[in-house]
């Protein structure tokens, strides 16, 4: 955990460096190989620019992020130096249930695994909070009734995640896109979750609850 909220959306700000991140030659070559492997297994993934976490600071009760353009494919490398930024927007229904989706086999990461809510890269010039709501609408056709930003976390493979929690209005219906080949509403009580919920997802929900 790099920083812990919760923060309201307006308490999370970001600035963008103009100069793109320059990876070392080894990471550059590894990104090329990883992207080629994705294409070989039928993924439509293509390279471009996304966000890298250059720095962050907690101050005045909020969180400020300093972001930098970097190759999207560097997130496939697992290098600490790249620190590509993704957002994860965990979703709960008005009655407390959790929205879970099984990720399609063509995706770049967590293929075939169940995850919570919506996730994705931050586009160049985009606010990470805006990325959360964009991904939620793109992946599930959902608009939150309220949203909080809960944490900034780092993973062992060098990624940085900004984690949000979205609560839906009563009666909201999730319509999955092609990034998910199955979805379900898991019970509000994490202890009652089905077997396909792995330990990583359970720990995250326990922290957010």
C-alpha atoms as a PDB file:
ATOM      1  CA  UNK A   1       0.000   0.000   0.000  1.00  0.00           C
ATOM      2  CA  UNK A   2       1.543   3.308  -1.101  1.00  0.00           C
ATOM      3  CA  UNK A   3      -1.193   5.621   0.241  1.00  0.00           C
ATOM      4  CA  UNK A   4      -4.534   5.031   1.960  1.00  0.00           C
ATOM      5  CA  UNK A   5      -7.696   7.124   1.708  1.00  0.00           C
ATOM      6  CA  UNK A   6     -10.528   7.373   1.420  1.00  0.00           C
ATOM      7  CA  UNK A   7     -10.596  10.560  -0.622  1.00  0.00           C
ATOM      8  CA  UNK A   8     -13.397  12.229  -2.497  1.00  0.00           C
ATOM      9  CA  UNK A   9     -12.791  12.490  -6.266  1.00  0.00           C
ATOM     10  CA  UNK A  10     -11.915  16.184  -6.025  1.00  0.00           C
ATOM     11  CA  UNK A  11      -9.203  15.419  -3.439  1.00  0.00           C
ATOM     12  CA  UNK A  12      -7.245  13.349  -5.980  1.00  0.00           C
ATOM     13  CA  UNK A  13      -5.366  15.540  -8.436  1.00  0.00           C
ATOM     14  CA  UNK A  14      -2.717  14.881 -11.031  1.00  0.00           C
ATOM     15  CA  UNK A  15      -0.115  16.711 -13.080  1.00  0.00           C
ATOM     16  CA  UNK A  16       1.461  15.365 -16.251  1.00  0.00           C
ATOM     17  CA  UNK A  17       5.095  15.611 -17.212  1.00  0.00           C
ATOM     18  CA  UNK A  18       5.598  16.517 -20.856  1.00  0.00           C
ATOM     19  CA  UNK A  19       8.581  14.261 -21.517  1.00  0.00           C
ATOM     20  CA  UNK A  20       7.806  10.570 -22.086  1.00  0.00           C
ATOM     21  CA  UNK A  21       9.456   7.928 -19.927  1.00  0.00           C
ATOM     22  CA  UNK A  22      12.502   6.301 -21.527  1.00  0.00           C
ATOM     23  CA  UNK A  23      12.846   2.644 -20.467  1.00  0.00           C
ATOM     24  CA  UNK A  24      16.125   0.779 -20.469  1.00  0.00           C
ATOM     25  CA  UNK A  25      16.932  -1.319 -23.537  1.00  0.00           C
ATOM     26  CA  UNK A  26      16.173  -4.555 -21.669  1.00  0.00           C
ATOM     27  CA  UNK A  27      12.674  -3.439 -20.687  1.00  0.00           C
ATOM     28  CA  UNK A  28      12.049  -2.088 -24.191  1.00  0.00           C
ATOM     29  CA  UNK A  29      12.923  -5.448 -25.732  1.00  0.00           C
ATOM     30  CA  UNK A  30      10.844  -7.320 -23.151  1.00  0.00           C
ATOM     31  CA  UNK A  31       7.833  -5.117 -23.957  1.00  0.00           C
ATOM     32  CA  UNK A  32       8.221  -5.904 -27.664  1.00  0.00           C
ATOM     33  CA  UNK A  33       8.310  -9.641 -26.922  1.00  0.00           C
ATOM     34  CA  UNK A  34       5.307  -9.518 -24.588  1.00  0.00           C
ATOM     35  CA  UNK A  35       3.244  -7.592 -27.128  1.00  0.00           C
ATOM     36  CA  UNK A  36       4.153 -10.067 -29.875  1.00  0.00           C
ATOM     37  CA  UNK A  37       3.102 -12.966 -27.623  1.00  0.00           C
ATOM     38  CA  UNK A  38      -0.265 -11.318 -27.022  1.00  0.00           C
ATOM     39  CA  UNK A  39      -0.882 -10.959 -30.742  1.00  0.00           C
ATOM     40  CA  UNK A  40       0.101 -14.570 -31.365  1.00  0.00           C
ATOM     41  CA  UNK A  41      -2.688 -15.772 -29.094  1.00  0.00           C
ATOM     42  CA  UNK A  42      -5.259 -13.624 -30.851  1.00  0.00           C
ATOM     43  CA  UNK A  43      -5.380 -10.558 -28.652  1.00  0.00           C
ATOM     44  CA  UNK A  44      -6.297  -7.285 -30.405  1.00  0.00           C
ATOM     45  CA  UNK A  45      -4.052  -5.398 -27.975  1.00  0.00           C
ATOM     46  CA  UNK A  46      -1.968  -2.707 -29.607  1.00  0.00           C
ATOM     47  CA  UNK A  47       0.770  -0.489 -28.246  1.00  0.00           C
ATOM     48  CA  UNK A  48       0.398   3.184 -27.506  1.00  0.00           C
ATOM     49  CA  UNK A  49       1.005   5.613 -24.679  1.00  0.00           C
ATOM     50  CA  UNK A  50      -0.453   5.340 -21.193  1.00  0.00           C
ATOM     51  CA  UNK A  51       0.437   6.624 -17.724  1.00  0.00           C
ATOM     52  CA  UNK A  52       3.452   5.942 -15.566  1.00  0.00           C
ATOM     53  CA  UNK A  53       3.549   6.941 -11.898  1.00  0.00           C
ATOM     54  CA  UNK A  54       6.513   9.289 -11.622  1.00  0.00           C
ATOM     55  CA  UNK A  55       5.781  10.492  -8.068  1.00  0.00           C
ATOM     56  CA  UNK A  56       2.973  10.971  -5.549  1.00  0.00           C
ATOM     57  CA  UNK A  57       2.346  12.954  -2.393  1.00  0.00           C
ATOM     58  CA  UNK A  58      -0.298  12.974   0.313  1.00  0.00           C
ATOM     59  CA  UNK A  59      -0.990  16.510   1.445  1.00  0.00           C
ATOM     60  CA  UNK A  60      -3.829  18.772   2.595  1.00  0.00           C
ATOM     61  CA  UNK A  61      -6.009  15.728   3.143  1.00  0.00           C
ATOM     62  CA  UNK A  62      -5.732  14.610  -0.462  1.00  0.00           C
ATOM     63  CA  UNK A  63      -3.528  12.745  -2.924  1.00  0.00           C
ATOM     64  CA  UNK A  64      -1.501  14.334  -5.723  1.00  0.00           C
ATOM     65  CA  UNK A  65      -0.133  12.157  -8.507  1.00  0.00           C
ATOM     66  CA  UNK A  66       2.634  13.062 -10.927  1.00  0.00           C
ATOM     67  CA  UNK A  67       2.184  11.089 -14.139  1.00  0.00           C
ATOM     68  CA  UNK A  68       4.283  10.631 -17.238  1.00  0.00           C
ATOM     69  CA  UNK A  69       3.570   9.226 -20.724  1.00  0.00           C
ATOM     70  CA  UNK A  70       5.038   5.745 -21.229  1.00  0.00           C
ATOM     71  CA  UNK A  71       4.572   2.812 -23.586  1.00  0.00           C
ATOM     72  CA  UNK A  72       1.420   0.867 -22.702  1.00  0.00           C
ATOM     73  CA  UNK A  73       3.206  -2.445 -23.276  1.00  0.00           C
ATOM     74  CA  UNK A  74       5.694  -1.749 -20.479  1.00  0.00           C
ATOM     75  CA  UNK A  75       2.965  -2.890 -18.050  1.00  0.00           C
ATOM     76  CA  UNK A  76       3.522  -6.404 -19.431  1.00  0.00           C
ATOM     77  CA  UNK A  77       7.182  -6.461 -18.417  1.00  0.00           C
ATOM     78  CA  UNK A  78       7.026  -6.530 -14.634  1.00  0.00           C
ATOM     79  CA  UNK A  79       9.824  -4.024 -14.082  1.00  0.00           C
ATOM     80  CA  UNK A  80       9.796  -1.857 -10.959  1.00  0.00           C
ATOM     81  CA  UNK A  81      11.234   1.066 -12.942  1.00  0.00           C
ATOM     82  CA  UNK A  82       8.288   1.252 -15.337  1.00  0.00           C
ATOM     83  CA  UNK A  83       5.544   1.559 -12.678  1.00  0.00           C
ATOM     84  CA  UNK A  84       2.675   1.743 -15.157  1.00  0.00           C
ATOM     85  CA  UNK A  85      -0.551   3.104 -13.660  1.00  0.00           C
ATOM     86  CA  UNK A  86      -3.904   1.348 -13.807  1.00  0.00           C
ATOM     87  CA  UNK A  87      -7.198   2.091 -12.123  1.00  0.00           C
ATOM     88  CA  UNK A  88      -9.483  -0.407 -10.427  1.00  0.00           C
ATOM     89  CA  UNK A  89     -13.050   0.666  -9.735  1.00  0.00           C
ATOM     90  CA  UNK A  90     -14.703  -1.844  -7.390  1.00  0.00           C
ATOM     91  CA  UNK A  91     -18.490  -1.805  -7.714  1.00  0.00           C
ATOM     92  CA  UNK A  92     -21.196  -2.410  -5.109  1.00  0.00           C
ATOM     93  CA  UNK A  93     -24.951  -2.497  -5.596  1.00  0.00           C
ATOM     94  CA  UNK A  94     -27.224  -0.416  -3.389  1.00  0.00           C
ATOM     95  CA  UNK A  95     -27.842  -3.499  -1.221  1.00  0.00           C
ATOM     96  CA  UNK A  96     -24.110  -4.124  -0.733  1.00  0.00           C
ATOM     97  CA  UNK A  97     -23.514  -6.901  -3.282  1.00  0.00           C
ATOM     98  CA  UNK A  98     -20.232  -6.876  -5.214  1.00  0.00           C
ATOM     99  CA  UNK A  99     -20.027  -6.916  -9.026  1.00  0.00           C
ATOM    100  CA  UNK A 100     -17.621  -9.638 -10.194  1.00  0.00           C
ATOM    101  CA  UNK A 101     -16.556 -10.482 -13.729  1.00  0.00           C
ATOM    102  CA  UNK A 102     -14.450 -13.244 -15.272  1.00  0.00           C
ATOM    103  CA  UNK A 103     -11.858 -11.773 -17.589  1.00  0.00           C
ATOM    104  CA  UNK A 104     -11.842 -13.006 -21.172  1.00  0.00           C
ATOM    105  CA  UNK A 105      -8.934 -15.166 -22.407  1.00  0.00           C
ATOM    106  CA  UNK A 106      -7.719 -12.633 -24.984  1.00  0.00           C
ATOM    107  CA  UNK A 107      -6.858  -9.961 -22.399  1.00  0.00           C
ATOM    108  CA  UNK A 108      -3.313  -9.035 -21.416  1.00  0.00           C
ATOM    109  CA  UNK A 109      -3.585  -9.905 -17.719  1.00  0.00           C
ATOM    110  CA  UNK A 110      -5.684 -11.890 -15.213  1.00  0.00           C
ATOM    111  CA  UNK A 111      -7.107 -13.956 -18.052  1.00  0.00           C
ATOM    112  CA  UNK A 112      -9.801 -16.388 -16.951  1.00  0.00           C
ATOM    113  CA  UNK A 113      -9.795 -15.008 -13.405  1.00  0.00           C
ATOM    114  CA  UNK A 114     -12.604 -13.339 -11.507  1.00  0.00           C
ATOM    115  CA  UNK A 115     -12.085  -9.702 -10.569  1.00  0.00           C
ATOM    116  CA  UNK A 116     -14.157  -6.944  -9.003  1.00  0.00           C
ATOM    117  CA  UNK A 117     -15.629  -4.087 -11.014  1.00  0.00           C
ATOM    118  CA  UNK A 118     -13.767  -2.368 -13.834  1.00  0.00           C
ATOM    119  CA  UNK A 119     -10.073  -1.818 -14.480  1.00  0.00           C
ATOM    120  CA  UNK A 120      -7.806  -0.368 -17.128  1.00  0.00           C
ATOM    121  CA  UNK A 121      -4.952   1.923 -18.070  1.00  0.00           C
ATOM    122  CA  UNK A 122      -4.938   5.686 -17.675  1.00  0.00           C
ATOM    123  CA  UNK A 123      -4.738   7.494 -20.999  1.00  0.00           C
ATOM    124  CA  UNK A 124      -2.246  10.305 -21.579  1.00  0.00           C
ATOM    125  CA  UNK A 125      -3.599  13.596 -20.237  1.00  0.00           C
ATOM    126  CA  UNK A 126      -6.457  11.860 -18.418  1.00  0.00           C
ATOM    127  CA  UNK A 127      -7.268  12.149 -14.738  1.00  0.00           C
ATOM    128  CA  UNK A 128      -7.149   8.725 -13.053  1.00  0.00           C
ATOM    129  CA  UNK A 129     -10.511   9.435 -11.403  1.00  0.00           C
ATOM    130  CA  UNK A 130     -11.988  10.117 -14.830  1.00  0.00           C
ATOM    131  CA  UNK A 131     -10.403   6.856 -16.008  1.00  0.00           C
ATOM    132  CA  UNK A 132     -12.331   4.992 -13.295  1.00  0.00           C
ATOM    133  CA  UNK A 133     -15.720   6.278 -14.409  1.00  0.00           C
ATOM    134  CA  UNK A 134     -14.798   5.815 -18.087  1.00  0.00           C
ATOM    135  CA  UNK A 135     -13.814   2.177 -17.546  1.00  0.00           C
ATOM    136  CA  UNK A 136     -16.962   1.549 -15.517  1.00  0.00           C
ATOM    137  CA  UNK A 137     -19.150   2.861 -18.305  1.00  0.00           C
ATOM    138  CA  UNK A 138     -17.170   1.097 -21.067  1.00  0.00           C
ATOM    139  CA  UNK A 139     -17.019  -2.291 -19.350  1.00  0.00           C
ATOM    140  CA  UNK A 140     -20.392  -2.394 -17.595  1.00  0.00           C
ATOM    141  CA  UNK A 141     -22.537   0.507 -18.921  1.00  0.00           C
ATOM    142  CA  UNK A 142     -22.798   1.791 -15.353  1.00  0.00           C
ATOM    143  CA  UNK A 143     -22.691   5.277 -13.808  1.00  0.00           C
ATOM    144  CA  UNK A 144     -22.023   5.413 -10.044  1.00  0.00           C
ATOM    145  CA  UNK A 145     -24.276   7.210  -7.604  1.00  0.00           C
ATOM    146  CA  UNK A 146     -21.230   7.987  -5.468  1.00  0.00           C
ATOM    147  CA  UNK A 147     -17.509   7.291  -5.787  1.00  0.00           C
ATOM    148  CA  UNK A 148     -14.602   7.351  -3.370  1.00  0.00           C
ATOM    149  CA  UNK A 149     -10.910   6.795  -4.027  1.00  0.00           C
ATOM    150  CA  UNK A 150      -9.690   4.310  -1.457  1.00  0.00           C
ATOM    151  CA  UNK A 151      -5.983   3.656  -2.009  1.00  0.00           C
ATOM    152  CA  UNK A 152      -2.883   3.834  -4.152  1.00  0.00           C
ATOM    153  CA  UNK A 153      -1.247   0.417  -4.196  1.00  0.00           C
ATOM    154  CA  UNK A 154       1.762  -1.240  -5.803  1.00  0.00           C
ATOM    155  CA  UNK A 155       1.906  -4.830  -7.049  1.00  0.00           C
ATOM    156  CA  UNK A 156       4.952  -7.146  -7.022  1.00  0.00           C
ATOM    157  CA  UNK A 157       5.234  -6.908 -10.821  1.00  0.00           C
ATOM    158  CA  UNK A 158       5.765  -3.149 -10.784  1.00  0.00           C
ATOM    159  CA  UNK A 159       2.255  -1.867 -11.497  1.00  0.00           C
ATOM    160  CA  UNK A 160       0.615   0.928  -9.515  1.00  0.00           C
ATOM    161  CA  UNK A 161      -3.151   0.785  -8.958  1.00  0.00           C
ATOM    162  CA  UNK A 162      -5.437   3.605  -7.933  1.00  0.00           C
ATOM    163  CA  UNK A 163      -8.387   1.841  -6.305  1.00  0.00           C
ATOM    164  CA  UNK A 164     -11.865   3.337  -6.212  1.00  0.00           C
ATOM    165  CA  UNK A 165     -15.166   2.189  -4.742  1.00  0.00           C
ATOM    166  CA  UNK A 166     -18.356   2.932  -6.671  1.00  0.00           C
ATOM    167  CA  UNK A 167     -21.840   2.564  -5.207  1.00  0.00           C
ATOM    168  CA  UNK A 168     -24.719   2.182  -7.662  1.00  0.00           C
ATOM    169  CA  UNK A 169     -28.244   3.563  -7.437  1.00  0.00           C
ATOM    170  CA  UNK A 170     -31.059   1.079  -6.720  1.00  0.00           C
ATOM    171  CA  UNK A 171     -32.088  -0.893  -9.786  1.00  0.00           C
ATOM    172  CA  UNK A 172     -28.881  -0.338 -11.760  1.00  0.00           C
ATOM    173  CA  UNK A 173     -28.169  -3.147 -14.226  1.00  0.00           C
ATOM    174  CA  UNK A 174     -24.696  -4.196 -15.366  1.00  0.00           C
ATOM    175  CA  UNK A 175     -24.212  -4.918 -19.078  1.00  0.00           C
ATOM    176  CA  UNK A 176     -20.761  -6.497 -19.613  1.00  0.00           C
ATOM    177  CA  UNK A 177     -18.589  -5.805 -22.638  1.00  0.00           C
ATOM    178  CA  UNK A 178     -16.379  -8.376 -24.391  1.00  0.00           C
ATOM    179  CA  UNK A 179     -13.654  -8.104 -21.740  1.00  0.00           C
ATOM    180  CA  UNK A 180     -15.770 -10.397 -19.550  1.00  0.00           C
ATOM    181  CA  UNK A 181     -17.128 -13.796 -20.524  1.00  0.00           C
ATOM    182  CA  UNK A 182     -19.189 -14.205 -17.325  1.00  0.00           C
ATOM    183  CA  UNK A 183     -20.334 -12.020 -14.457  1.00  0.00           C
ATOM    184  CA  UNK A 184     -22.177 -12.318 -11.155  1.00  0.00           C
ATOM    185  CA  UNK A 185     -23.287 -10.342  -8.115  1.00  0.00           C
ATOM    186  CA  UNK A 186     -21.500 -11.772  -5.087  1.00  0.00           C
ATOM    187  CA  UNK A 187     -23.075 -11.468  -1.603  1.00  0.00           C
ATOM    188  CA  UNK A 188     -22.366  -8.445   0.584  1.00  0.00           C
ATOM    189  CA  UNK A 189     -20.773 -10.793   3.129  1.00  0.00           C
ATOM    190  CA  UNK A 190     -17.334 -11.729   1.775  1.00  0.00           C
ATOM    191  CA  UNK A 191     -17.422 -14.945   3.812  1.00  0.00           C
ATOM    192  CA  UNK A 192     -20.356 -16.093   1.666  1.00  0.00           C
ATOM    193  CA  UNK A 193     -18.544 -15.644  -1.650  1.00  0.00           C
ATOM    194  CA  UNK A 194     -18.308 -18.581  -4.092  1.00  0.00           C
ATOM    195  CA  UNK A 195     -15.214 -20.729  -4.526  1.00  0.00           C
ATOM    196  CA  UNK A 196     -14.046 -18.914  -7.675  1.00  0.00           C
ATOM    197  CA  UNK A 197     -13.245 -15.827  -5.586  1.00  0.00           C
ATOM    198  CA  UNK A 198      -9.503 -16.160  -5.002  1.00  0.00           C
ATOM    199  CA  UNK A 199      -7.566 -14.922  -1.988  1.00  0.00           C
ATOM    200  CA  UNK A 200      -6.347 -11.717  -3.670  1.00  0.00           C
ATOM    201  CA  UNK A 201      -9.871 -10.583  -4.485  1.00  0.00           C
ATOM    202  CA  UNK A 202     -11.156 -11.539  -1.031  1.00  0.00           C
ATOM    203  CA  UNK A 203      -8.395  -9.575   0.714  1.00  0.00           C
ATOM    204  CA  UNK A 204      -9.118  -6.495  -1.367  1.00  0.00           C
ATOM    205  CA  UNK A 205     -12.834  -6.623  -0.605  1.00  0.00           C
ATOM    206  CA  UNK A 206     -12.141  -7.118   3.098  1.00  0.00           C
ATOM    207  CA  UNK A 207      -9.979  -3.978   3.107  1.00  0.00           C
ATOM    208  CA  UNK A 208     -12.626  -1.968   1.253  1.00  0.00           C
ATOM    209  CA  UNK A 209     -15.446  -3.214   3.441  1.00  0.00           C
END
